[in-house]
Structures are given as structure tokens and as C-alpha cells.
Amino acid sequence: MSLSVSNKSIIRLAAPISLSLVIPQVNFLTNTAFLGRLGEQELGVNGIAGIFYLVLSMIGYGLSNGIQVQMARRAGEGDTDGLAKTFMNGAMLVLGFSLLLMMLSLWLAPVIFGLSLHDGNNAHLSVKFLYIRAWGLPFLMLTQLANAFFISTSRSRFLIYGSLAGTLVNIGFDYLLIFGTHGFPKMGLGGAALASVMAEMAYCAVMYGIFYFRKIYREYPIRRHIYMDMPLAKRMLKVSSPLIVQYLFAIGGWQIFFIYVEHLGQRELATSQILRSIFGIVGISTWAFASTCNTMVSNIIGQGKSREVVPLIIRVATISFITTLCICTLLLVFSDAFISLYRPDPDLIAFARPSLRVIVTATLIMSLATVMFNGVVGTGNTVMNLAIEVTCVMLYLVYCYFIIEKSRMPLHWAWGSEFVYWISLLVICLIYLRSGRWRGKRI
């Protein structure tokens, strides 16, 4: 279970993760394109409600990411029993968290959208969407944990199968339920929400099916640990809690961004939903390399090779930057054709073009900053990650408030907030990693 720090090892672990992320981005593109055919309001509401759900899912991702760091550390130490125990206790924590989040979201969504959105119809449609969408949370969060396990044990290729199954289910039921074809009811925005829930159920079933049918439970004896180990659970929460708050801040900042953009107008909101999809596509390789960096850093520390941490992070960041540069070049060359996939409206395409250029440039900085940040996560000092995240998000929100809410600047200036966030993140992470204060952290 020990990993080497060669370029080959980096790419071998990152490539399946990238592919597993490409597949849902194709799904998100299709979903956005379908809703774009319904109208700009549906497209915009999907952006607002989708970000709210993303906030919830990223809380789960923070929990799973903290558990992943610990599983990768046990893998580096060769402790299969400890890894199985961490995974099983993590599953119990994740399930409890997901049910709690689901209930909170059903209660909070009407309050938040009712108070923050200027258009009452936007608020109504957003709440209606989330009342369906929230039922997918338990399946999503259990899937996040399964993915963390497979990445930690160098089996990232299995993520492709679950991702493909979920995407096929989502695209198929999007088409059937949004437009009401082949005898299915025409549900519009609600159909998109229901299709997403069904996709998350399929993804979860495939991932745990792989664990069972490939008899991975024989190598990692989870049946010995079907009980809650409270000291272990506390350690997992100690590592994960700062990550949960960190992701809550990060995506919560994006939620505020979209609320401010809604105040600019319906076209700005619809365009930003398209741009969010493009941002996700460009970031596929970055997030894959970031997850790889997280796991490899924790693994080599578990092997007692702390001196190799910083060179490893730099190597992963360099590969991430080169890959992102290639993707960005293609998007800039074919920008109009790509935007037209969502909504073939010449005015909308012209309106979105300047903001697209801003986003593409910002993602080059993101390709470095995200890897550096996840390198810090891999060291296990998640309290430092939280401090870094809070600082960067506060700078981001100050920019958003003055540029969008107060000055009402054009949309491409609003998306310039990405530069503020990613440059801040990159600089602070570099300073921390060079300081060496992360050495000797036990988790």
C-alpha cells in the first residue's frame, strides 16, 4: 500500500480520478443544456439551488476528506486492520451527518432563499428544487466515503465505474423527466432534481457493490469493526471538523456570490450558471491532482519520508498546471461554440464571452493553489487549512460585496473575485509549506 513519488505514480493515481470527474461534468453540462432549453429563469434557479446543495455536499466531502487522510496514513503504515476500522467507523459518522444535514436543509432552505433573493418566484422554485434534491444526500455522502477508501488504497480506477453509472442514470432521467417524454410526467426543474437523486443512488450502489463483489472486505476486515469506536470517532472528527468548516466557508462564499449576482439580473444569473459549469470542466484535472496530492503526502509521511513532501507537492502542481493550460487553450479557441451548447442565443454568448476569459485565466492559478492546499491537508494539520480558508474567503467576500453588491460592476468584474481567492490561497500555502511547521503532525 506504500506509494512512490514518481511522475508515473502521480499520473497513475490521478488519471482514473480525472476520468471519474469528467463523467459527472458531462452530466452537469447536459443537465444545464436541458434546463437552458426551458428558459433563463430555470437555468438561473438551478444555479442558486445547485450551489446550496453543493454547500451541503462539500460538508460531507470535508468529513470524507479528513477520513481519507487517516486511511492513507494507515495505508502508508501497512495497517490494513486499522484502515478497515477507520473506514467502518467513518461510514457510521457519514450516515449520521447526512441525515442531520438533510433535515436541516429542508428546514433552512425556505428561510435562506426567502430572505436573500429579490425575485419571489426564484425563491419558490429554489425551495421546490431542494425539497426533492436533499433526499440524495445520504447516498452522496456514503459514495464520497467509498471514493476516499478507493483512493487511499490506490484503487482510484474503480471511481470510473460508479461515476459512469450515475451519469448515465442522470442524463437518461433528465431527458425523460424534464421534458416528459416516453410517457413520463413533464416535471421541468423538479425532474432535474429527481434525476440527480436517482443518479446518486446508482453511484452509491455501484461503489459498494464493487467493494462486496470483488471481495475487498477480505483484505480489509470491516466485519470485525461493526461498532462505534468512540476514541477513533473523536480523532476522525478532530481531523475532519476543520475541513468541514473550511469547505462550508469556501462554497458558502460561492453561495453569497450567486445571491449577489441574482441581484444584478436574470441574464447575469443564467450566464453565471453556464460559467459555473465551464469552471467545473476546466477544474477536472486540478481536483484530480489535488486529491492525488492529498493521499500521496499522507502516505509518504506514514512511510517516514517527510523530506519528500515539498518536492512531491511541487511535482504534482507542475503537472496540474500543464494539464490545465492545455484545457484552457482549447476552451479559449472554441469558446463561442462551447457556450452555445448550453443555450444557442447569440446575445447570451456575447454577454458571457468576457467572463469566460476571466474564468479560464483564473483556473491556471487554481491549478497550482488547489494542489498546494491539498498538500497541506495531506500533512494532517487541518486546523491550518481552516485558518487559510477563512482568510481567503473573507478577502473574496469583501471583493464581492464592493464590486457586485455596492458598485454593480459588469459580470466579468464579478468573476474577477476568483483571482482574489486563488492568489491568496496560493501565496499563504507556499509560505506555510516552506516554513516546515507541518512536520511531526500525528493523526
Protein backbone atom coordinates (compact mmCIF):
# COMPACT_ATOMS: atom_id res chain seq x y z
CA MET A 1 0.00 0.00 0.00
CA SER A 2 3.07 2.27 0.01
CA LEU A 3 3.28 4.77 -2.85
CA SER A 4 6.32 6.11 -4.66
CA VAL A 5 6.66 9.81 -5.58
CA SER A 6 7.47 9.35 -9.28
CA ASN A 7 5.60 11.12 -12.09
CA LYS A 8 4.31 7.72 -13.19
CA SER A 9 2.77 7.06 -9.77
CA ILE A 10 1.20 10.53 -9.71
CA ILE A 11 -0.41 10.11 -13.13
CA ARG A 12 -1.45 6.50 -12.45
CA LEU A 13 -3.39 7.61 -9.36
CA ALA A 14 -4.71 10.88 -10.83
CA ALA A 15 -5.82 9.67 -14.27
CA PRO A 16 -8.75 7.48 -13.08
CA ILE A 17 -9.82 10.25 -10.70
CA SER A 18 -9.80 12.72 -13.62
CA LEU A 19 -11.90 10.39 -15.73
CA SER A 20 -14.32 9.82 -12.86
CA LEU A 21 -14.71 13.62 -12.62
CA VAL A 22 -15.07 14.11 -16.39
CA ILE A 23 -18.13 11.87 -16.47
CA PRO A 24 -20.27 13.86 -13.96
CA GLN A 25 -19.16 17.13 -15.60
CA VAL A 26 -20.58 15.80 -18.88
CA ASN A 27 -23.72 15.07 -16.90
CA PHE A 28 -23.73 18.61 -15.44
CA LEU A 29 -23.23 20.08 -18.91
CA THR A 30 -26.16 18.03 -20.23
CA ASN A 31 -28.34 19.00 -17.28
CA THR A 32 -27.57 22.70 -17.75
CA ALA A 33 -28.16 22.44 -21.51
CA PHE A 34 -31.57 20.79 -20.95
CA LEU A 35 -32.63 23.49 -18.49
CA GLY A 36 -31.30 26.17 -20.84
CA ARG A 37 -33.90 24.99 -23.35
CA LEU A 38 -36.63 25.60 -20.78
CA GLY A 39 -35.62 29.22 -20.12
CA GLU A 40 -33.19 31.57 -18.44
CA GLN A 41 -35.09 31.52 -15.14
CA GLU A 42 -34.86 27.73 -14.79
CA LEU A 43 -31.19 27.93 -15.68
CA GLY A 44 -30.55 30.61 -13.06
CA VAL A 45 -32.56 28.90 -10.31
CA ASN A 46 -30.66 25.68 -10.91
CA GLY A 47 -27.50 27.71 -10.27
CA ILE A 48 -28.69 29.12 -6.94
CA ALA A 49 -30.26 25.90 -5.63
CA GLY A 50 -27.40 23.83 -7.03
CA ILE A 51 -24.84 25.87 -5.10
CA PHE A 52 -26.88 25.43 -1.89
CA TYR A 53 -26.82 21.66 -2.40
CA LEU A 54 -23.12 21.88 -3.21
CA VAL A 55 -22.59 23.53 0.20
CA LEU A 56 -24.23 20.51 1.84
CA SER A 57 -22.28 18.02 -0.26
CA MET A 58 -18.99 19.76 0.49
CA ILE A 59 -19.63 19.38 4.23
CA GLY A 60 -19.77 15.66 3.51
CA TYR A 61 -16.68 15.95 1.33
CA GLY A 62 -14.83 17.63 4.18
CA LEU A 63 -15.72 14.75 6.51
CA SER A 64 -14.70 12.13 3.94
CA ASN A 65 -11.53 14.05 3.08
CA GLY A 66 -10.46 14.03 6.73
CA ILE A 67 -11.15 10.30 6.92
CA GLN A 68 -9.25 9.81 3.65
CA VAL A 69 -6.14 11.43 5.14
CA GLN A 70 -6.29 8.95 8.02
CA MET A 71 -6.93 5.93 5.78
CA ALA A 72 -3.99 6.96 3.55
CA ARG A 73 -1.79 7.26 6.65
CA ARG A 74 -2.78 3.75 7.77
CA ALA A 75 -2.11 2.51 4.22
CA GLY A 76 1.38 4.03 4.31
CA GLU A 77 1.99 2.28 7.64
CA GLY A 78 0.75 -1.06 6.23
CA ASP A 79 -2.02 -1.25 8.86
CA THR A 80 -4.92 -2.93 6.99
CA ASP A 81 -6.91 -3.63 10.17
CA GLY A 82 -6.61 0.00 11.27
CA LEU A 83 -7.68 1.15 7.81
CA ALA A 84 -10.75 -1.13 7.89
CA LYS A 85 -11.66 0.15 11.35
CA THR A 86 -11.34 3.76 10.17
CA PHE A 87 -13.50 3.06 7.12
CA MET A 88 -16.27 1.33 9.08
CA ASN A 89 -16.45 4.00 11.78
CA GLY A 90 -16.34 6.62 9.04
CA ALA A 91 -19.39 5.04 7.39
CA MET A 92 -21.38 5.38 10.63
CA LEU A 93 -20.34 9.01 11.04
CA VAL A 94 -21.12 9.85 7.42
CA LEU A 95 -24.60 8.31 7.58
CA GLY A 96 -25.47 10.23 10.75
CA PHE A 97 -24.17 13.50 9.32
CA SER A 98 -26.09 13.05 6.07
CA LEU A 99 -29.44 12.52 7.80
CA LEU A 100 -28.88 15.55 10.02
CA LEU A 101 -27.92 17.73 7.04
CA MET A 102 -30.93 16.57 5.08
CA MET A 103 -33.33 17.60 7.85
CA LEU A 104 -31.57 20.94 8.38
CA SER A 105 -31.66 21.76 4.67
CA LEU A 106 -35.40 21.07 4.42
CA TRP A 107 -35.95 23.49 7.29
CA LEU A 108 -33.44 26.21 6.37
CA ALA A 109 -33.90 26.46 2.58
CA PRO A 110 -37.21 28.45 2.67
CA VAL A 111 -35.76 30.85 5.27
CA ILE A 112 -32.47 31.49 3.44
CA PHE A 113 -33.93 31.92 -0.03
CA GLY A 114 -36.94 33.89 1.22
CA LEU A 115 -34.68 36.45 2.90
CA SER A 116 -31.87 36.67 0.33
CA LEU A 117 -33.42 36.55 -3.16
CA HIS A 118 -35.13 39.60 -4.67
CA ASP A 119 -37.36 37.62 -7.04
CA GLY A 120 -40.06 35.72 -5.12
CA ASN A 121 -40.53 33.23 -7.96
CA ASN A 122 -36.81 32.42 -7.90
CA ALA A 123 -37.08 31.74 -4.16
CA HIS A 124 -40.14 29.50 -4.62
CA LEU A 125 -38.56 27.45 -7.42
CA SER A 126 -35.28 27.08 -5.49
CA VAL A 127 -37.06 25.70 -2.41
CA LYS A 128 -39.16 23.35 -4.52
CA PHE A 129 -36.00 22.05 -6.22
CA LEU A 130 -34.21 21.43 -2.90
CA TYR A 131 -37.16 19.64 -1.30
CA ILE A 132 -36.54 16.89 -3.86
CA ARG A 133 -32.77 17.20 -4.22
CA ALA A 134 -31.98 16.87 -0.48
CA TRP A 135 -33.07 13.21 -0.42
CA GLY A 136 -29.92 12.29 -2.30
CA LEU A 137 -27.58 13.44 0.50
CA PRO A 138 -27.21 10.09 2.35
CA PHE A 139 -26.31 8.30 -0.89
CA LEU A 140 -23.94 11.06 -1.97
CA MET A 141 -22.03 11.15 1.32
CA LEU A 142 -21.69 7.36 1.53
CA THR A 143 -20.34 7.46 -2.02
CA GLN A 144 -17.82 10.16 -1.06
CA LEU A 145 -16.52 7.89 1.70
CA ALA A 146 -16.27 4.90 -0.67
CA ASN A 147 -14.31 7.05 -3.12
CA ALA A 148 -11.98 8.14 -0.31
CA PHE A 149 -11.35 4.49 0.56
CA PHE A 150 -10.53 3.50 -3.02
CA ILE A 151 -8.21 6.49 -3.48
CA SER A 152 -6.47 5.77 -0.16
CA THR A 153 -5.81 2.16 -1.18
CA SER A 154 -4.57 3.06 -4.71
CA ARG A 155 -7.72 1.71 -6.40
CA SER A 156 -8.86 5.00 -7.91
CA ARG A 157 -9.79 3.22 -11.19
CA PHE A 158 -12.97 1.93 -9.53
CA LEU A 159 -14.30 5.51 -9.28
CA ILE A 160 -14.84 5.45 -13.04
CA TYR A 161 -17.46 2.68 -12.86
CA GLY A 162 -19.64 4.36 -10.26
CA SER A 163 -19.30 7.75 -11.90
CA LEU A 164 -20.29 6.33 -15.29
CA ALA A 165 -23.35 4.56 -13.84
CA GLY A 166 -24.52 7.69 -12.02
CA THR A 167 -24.05 9.87 -15.08
CA LEU A 168 -25.93 7.55 -17.43
CA VAL A 169 -28.85 7.36 -15.00
CA ASN A 170 -28.85 11.15 -14.57
CA ILE A 171 -28.75 12.02 -18.27
CA GLY A 172 -31.40 9.44 -19.11
CA PHE A 173 -33.85 10.56 -16.45
CA ASP A 174 -33.07 14.24 -17.09
CA TYR A 175 -34.35 13.78 -20.62
CA LEU A 176 -37.37 11.75 -19.55
CA LEU A 177 -38.44 13.86 -16.55
CA ILE A 178 -37.54 17.44 -17.56
CA PHE A 179 -39.37 17.26 -20.90
CA GLY A 180 -41.87 14.48 -20.11
CA THR A 181 -41.02 12.09 -22.95
CA HIS A 182 -41.90 8.39 -23.44
CA GLY A 183 -44.86 8.53 -21.07
CA PHE A 184 -43.04 10.16 -18.16
CA PRO A 185 -44.51 13.29 -16.49
CA LYS A 186 -43.11 16.68 -17.55
CA MET A 187 -41.55 17.94 -14.30
CA GLY A 188 -39.19 20.67 -15.55
CA LEU A 189 -36.79 21.80 -12.82
CA GLY A 190 -38.20 19.20 -10.40
CA GLY A 191 -37.38 16.49 -12.93
CA ALA A 192 -33.73 17.55 -12.93
CA ALA A 193 -33.70 17.28 -9.11
CA LEU A 194 -35.29 13.82 -9.10
CA ALA A 195 -32.94 12.55 -11.81
CA SER A 196 -29.96 13.68 -9.71
CA VAL A 197 -31.24 11.79 -6.65
CA MET A 198 -31.68 8.62 -8.70
CA ALA A 199 -28.15 9.05 -10.10
CA GLU A 200 -26.67 9.33 -6.60
CA MET A 201 -28.45 6.13 -5.58
CA ALA A 202 -26.99 4.34 -8.62
CA TYR A 203 -23.47 5.66 -7.98
CA CYS A 204 -23.61 4.55 -4.33
CA ALA A 205 -24.90 1.08 -5.23
CA VAL A 206 -22.09 0.53 -7.75
CA MET A 207 -19.29 1.64 -5.39
CA TYR A 208 -20.37 -0.58 -2.50
CA GLY A 209 -21.19 -3.36 -4.97
CA ILE A 210 -17.55 -3.27 -6.14
CA PHE A 211 -16.38 -3.50 -2.53
CA TYR A 212 -18.56 -6.56 -1.95
CA PHE A 213 -18.39 -8.49 -5.24
CA ARG A 214 -14.63 -8.04 -5.60
CA LYS A 215 -14.32 -9.35 -2.03
CA ILE A 216 -12.22 -6.40 -0.92
CA TYR A 217 -13.69 -6.94 2.57
CA ARG A 218 -11.42 -9.99 2.88
CA GLU A 219 -8.30 -7.82 2.67
CA TYR A 220 -9.81 -5.09 4.86
CA PRO A 221 -11.82 -6.93 7.56
CA ILE A 222 -14.62 -4.43 8.17
CA ARG A 223 -16.83 -7.12 9.77
CA ARG A 224 -14.63 -7.04 12.86
CA HIS A 225 -15.48 -3.38 13.37
CA ILE A 226 -19.27 -3.11 13.11
CA TYR A 227 -19.41 -0.92 16.21
CA MET A 228 -18.69 2.70 17.03
CA ASP A 229 -15.21 3.19 18.48
CA MET A 230 -15.66 6.50 20.28
CA PRO A 231 -11.95 7.42 20.68
CA LEU A 232 -11.43 6.75 16.95
CA ALA A 233 -14.58 8.69 16.06
CA LYS A 234 -13.34 11.64 18.08
CA ARG A 235 -9.98 11.54 16.27
CA MET A 236 -11.74 11.43 12.91
CA LEU A 237 -13.89 14.40 13.85
CA LYS A 238 -10.83 16.27 15.17
CA VAL A 239 -9.12 15.93 11.78
CA SER A 240 -12.29 16.37 9.70
CA SER A 241 -14.04 19.20 11.58
CA PRO A 242 -11.71 21.96 10.35
CA LEU A 243 -12.14 20.61 6.80
CA ILE A 244 -15.93 20.61 7.16
CA VAL A 245 -15.94 24.23 8.33
CA GLN A 246 -13.36 25.06 5.66
CA TYR A 247 -15.50 23.70 2.79
CA LEU A 248 -18.57 25.31 4.32
CA PHE A 249 -16.78 28.66 4.15
CA ALA A 250 -15.46 28.03 0.64
CA ILE A 251 -18.73 27.02 -1.03
CA GLY A 252 -20.77 29.27 1.28
CA GLY A 253 -18.79 32.16 -0.19
CA TRP A 254 -19.83 30.99 -3.65
CA GLN A 255 -23.47 30.86 -2.48
CA ILE A 256 -23.23 34.52 -1.45
CA PHE A 257 -21.63 35.30 -4.82
CA PHE A 258 -24.61 33.80 -6.67
CA ILE A 259 -27.07 35.65 -4.43
CA TYR A 260 -25.31 38.92 -5.25
CA VAL A 261 -25.35 38.04 -8.97
CA GLU A 262 -29.12 37.38 -8.73
CA HIS A 263 -29.44 40.98 -7.60
CA LEU A 264 -27.78 42.09 -10.87
CA GLY A 265 -30.47 40.46 -13.01
CA GLN A 266 -31.84 37.27 -14.59
CA ARG A 267 -29.40 37.27 -17.51
CA GLU A 268 -26.38 37.63 -15.22
CA LEU A 269 -27.68 34.76 -13.09
CA ALA A 270 -28.33 32.46 -16.07
CA THR A 271 -24.93 33.28 -17.57
CA SER A 272 -23.20 32.56 -14.26
CA GLN A 273 -24.78 29.10 -14.14
CA ILE A 274 -23.24 28.36 -17.54
CA LEU A 275 -19.90 29.76 -16.38
CA ARG A 276 -20.04 27.60 -13.23
CA SER A 277 -20.34 24.54 -15.43
CA ILE A 278 -17.35 25.66 -17.51
CA PHE A 279 -15.40 26.32 -14.32
CA GLY A 280 -16.08 22.74 -13.26
CA ILE A 281 -14.91 21.32 -16.58
CA VAL A 282 -11.64 23.26 -16.51
CA GLY A 283 -11.08 22.21 -12.91
CA ILE A 284 -11.42 18.45 -13.54
CA SER A 285 -7.70 17.74 -13.78
CA THR A 286 -6.92 20.16 -10.95
CA TRP A 287 -9.21 18.42 -8.47
CA ALA A 288 -7.90 15.02 -9.53
CA PHE A 289 -4.29 16.06 -8.94
CA ALA A 290 -5.30 17.77 -5.67
CA SER A 291 -6.88 14.56 -4.36
CA THR A 292 -3.82 12.62 -5.52
CA CYS A 293 -1.53 15.07 -3.71
CA ASN A 294 -3.56 14.79 -0.51
CA THR A 295 -3.31 10.98 -0.49
CA MET A 296 0.33 10.74 -1.56
CA VAL A 297 1.52 13.29 1.00
CA SER A 298 -0.21 11.46 3.85
CA ASN A 299 1.02 8.10 2.55
CA ILE A 300 4.71 9.08 2.32
CA ILE A 301 4.57 10.71 5.76
CA GLY A 302 3.23 7.35 7.01
CA GLN A 303 6.30 5.76 5.38
CA GLY A 304 8.55 8.15 7.34
CA LYS A 305 9.64 10.13 4.23
CA SER A 306 8.70 13.68 5.30
CA ARG A 307 11.65 15.16 3.37
CA GLU A 308 9.96 14.18 0.10
CA VAL A 309 6.72 16.08 0.85
CA VAL A 310 7.54 19.52 -0.61
CA PRO A 311 9.25 18.16 -3.77
CA LEU A 312 6.22 15.90 -4.29
CA ILE A 313 3.75 18.79 -3.98
CA ILE A 314 5.77 20.89 -6.45
CA ARG A 315 5.89 17.98 -8.91
CA VAL A 316 2.12 17.40 -8.71
CA ALA A 317 1.41 21.15 -9.03
CA THR A 318 3.57 21.40 -12.15
CA ILE A 319 1.77 18.52 -13.87
CA SER A 320 -1.57 20.05 -12.83
CA PHE A 321 -0.64 23.43 -14.34
CA ILE A 322 0.49 21.96 -17.67
CA THR A 323 -2.70 19.88 -17.98
CA THR A 324 -4.94 22.83 -17.12
CA LEU A 325 -3.12 25.06 -19.62
CA CYS A 326 -3.96 22.63 -22.43
CA ILE A 327 -7.65 22.54 -21.44
CA CYS A 328 -7.83 26.34 -21.12
CA THR A 329 -6.30 26.83 -24.57
CA LEU A 330 -9.00 24.67 -26.16
CA LEU A 331 -11.77 26.49 -24.30
CA LEU A 332 -10.50 29.91 -25.42
CA VAL A 333 -10.22 28.82 -29.06
CA PHE A 334 -13.70 27.27 -29.14
CA SER A 335 -15.40 29.48 -26.52
CA ASP A 336 -18.44 30.53 -28.59
CA ALA A 337 -19.17 27.01 -29.78
CA PHE A 338 -18.92 25.71 -26.23
CA ILE A 339 -21.25 28.32 -24.71
CA SER A 340 -23.81 27.66 -27.46
CA LEU A 341 -24.12 24.05 -26.22
CA TYR A 342 -25.95 25.38 -23.16
CA ARG A 343 -28.17 27.94 -24.87
CA PRO A 344 -27.79 28.88 -28.57
CA ASP A 345 -28.55 32.57 -28.00
CA PRO A 346 -26.10 34.95 -29.77
CA ASP A 347 -26.76 37.75 -27.26
CA LEU A 348 -26.10 35.42 -24.31
CA ILE A 349 -22.91 34.12 -25.94
CA ALA A 350 -21.59 37.66 -26.46
CA PHE A 351 -22.57 38.57 -22.90
CA ALA A 352 -20.76 35.52 -21.44
CA ARG A 353 -17.55 35.81 -23.50
CA PRO A 354 -15.62 38.36 -21.34
CA SER A 355 -16.41 36.45 -18.13
CA LEU A 356 -15.33 33.17 -19.71
CA ARG A 357 -11.90 34.64 -20.45
CA VAL A 358 -11.59 35.76 -16.82
CA ILE A 359 -12.51 32.29 -15.53
CA VAL A 360 -10.13 30.46 -17.85
CA THR A 361 -7.22 32.63 -16.74
CA ALA A 362 -8.12 32.26 -13.05
CA THR A 363 -8.16 28.47 -13.32
CA LEU A 364 -4.45 28.49 -14.20
CA ILE A 365 -3.77 29.93 -10.74
CA MET A 366 -6.31 27.49 -9.28
CA SER A 367 -4.37 24.55 -10.78
CA LEU A 368 -1.42 25.45 -8.54
CA ALA A 369 -3.26 26.73 -5.46
CA THR A 370 -5.61 23.75 -5.09
CA VAL A 371 -2.76 21.23 -5.23
CA MET A 372 -0.74 23.24 -2.69
CA PHE A 373 -3.75 23.49 -0.41
CA ASN A 374 -4.43 19.75 -0.56
CA GLY A 375 -0.77 19.14 0.16
CA VAL A 376 -1.37 20.96 3.44
CA VAL A 377 -4.45 18.75 4.02
CA GLY A 378 -2.28 15.66 3.50
CA THR A 379 0.06 16.72 6.31
CA GLY A 380 -2.87 16.34 8.71
CA ASN A 381 -2.80 19.92 10.01
CA THR A 382 -6.41 20.62 9.12
CA VAL A 383 -6.69 23.48 11.63
CA MET A 384 -4.16 25.37 9.49
CA ASN A 385 -6.26 24.55 6.40
CA LEU A 386 -9.25 26.11 8.12
CA ALA A 387 -7.31 29.26 9.02
CA ILE A 388 -6.08 29.61 5.43
CA GLU A 389 -9.57 29.05 4.01
CA VAL A 390 -11.27 31.56 6.30
CA THR A 391 -8.69 34.22 5.43
CA CYS A 392 -9.05 33.70 1.68
CA VAL A 393 -12.85 33.55 1.74
CA MET A 394 -13.07 36.76 3.76
CA LEU A 395 -10.91 38.56 1.18
CA TYR A 396 -13.11 37.06 -1.56
CA LEU A 397 -16.35 38.23 0.10
CA VAL A 398 -15.03 41.75 0.67
CA TYR A 399 -14.27 41.98 -3.06
CA CYS A 400 -17.73 40.55 -3.96
CA TYR A 401 -19.53 42.97 -1.66
CA PHE A 402 -17.89 46.11 -3.00
CA ILE A 403 -17.65 45.12 -6.69
CA ILE A 404 -21.00 43.33 -7.14
CA GLU A 405 -23.41 44.43 -4.41
CA LYS A 406 -22.32 48.04 -3.92
CA SER A 407 -20.76 49.10 -7.24
CA ARG A 408 -22.88 46.88 -9.55
CA MET A 409 -19.92 46.29 -11.86
CA PRO A 410 -20.28 44.18 -15.05
CA LEU A 411 -20.36 40.40 -14.71
CA HIS A 412 -16.73 39.82 -15.74
CA TRP A 413 -15.64 42.07 -12.87
CA ALA A 414 -17.76 39.92 -10.54
CA TRP A 415 -15.96 36.78 -11.71
CA GLY A 416 -12.66 38.59 -11.13
CA SER A 417 -13.23 37.57 -7.49
CA GLU A 418 -11.69 34.22 -8.44
CA PHE A 419 -8.30 35.92 -8.81
CA VAL A 420 -8.56 37.32 -5.28
CA TYR A 421 -9.34 33.90 -3.81
CA TRP A 422 -6.85 31.72 -5.69
CA ILE A 423 -3.89 34.11 -5.48
CA SER A 424 -4.42 34.48 -1.72
CA LEU A 425 -4.66 30.70 -1.31
CA LEU A 426 -1.52 30.06 -3.34
CA VAL A 427 0.63 32.62 -1.50
CA ILE A 428 -0.41 31.55 2.01
CA CYS A 429 0.04 27.82 1.28
CA LEU A 430 3.51 28.42 -0.17
CA ILE A 431 4.55 30.35 2.93
CA TYR A 432 3.25 27.63 5.26
CA LEU A 433 4.82 24.71 3.38
CA ARG A 434 8.20 26.48 3.21
CA SER A 435 8.07 27.15 6.96
CA GLY A 436 8.19 23.41 7.78
CA ARG A 437 5.77 23.78 10.70
CA TRP A 438 3.72 20.88 9.41
CA ARG A 439 6.41 18.31 10.26
CA GLY A 440 5.71 15.75 13.00
CA LYS A 441 1.89 16.06 12.90
CA ARG A 442 0.29 12.79 14.11
CA ILE A 443 -3.28 11.81 13.16
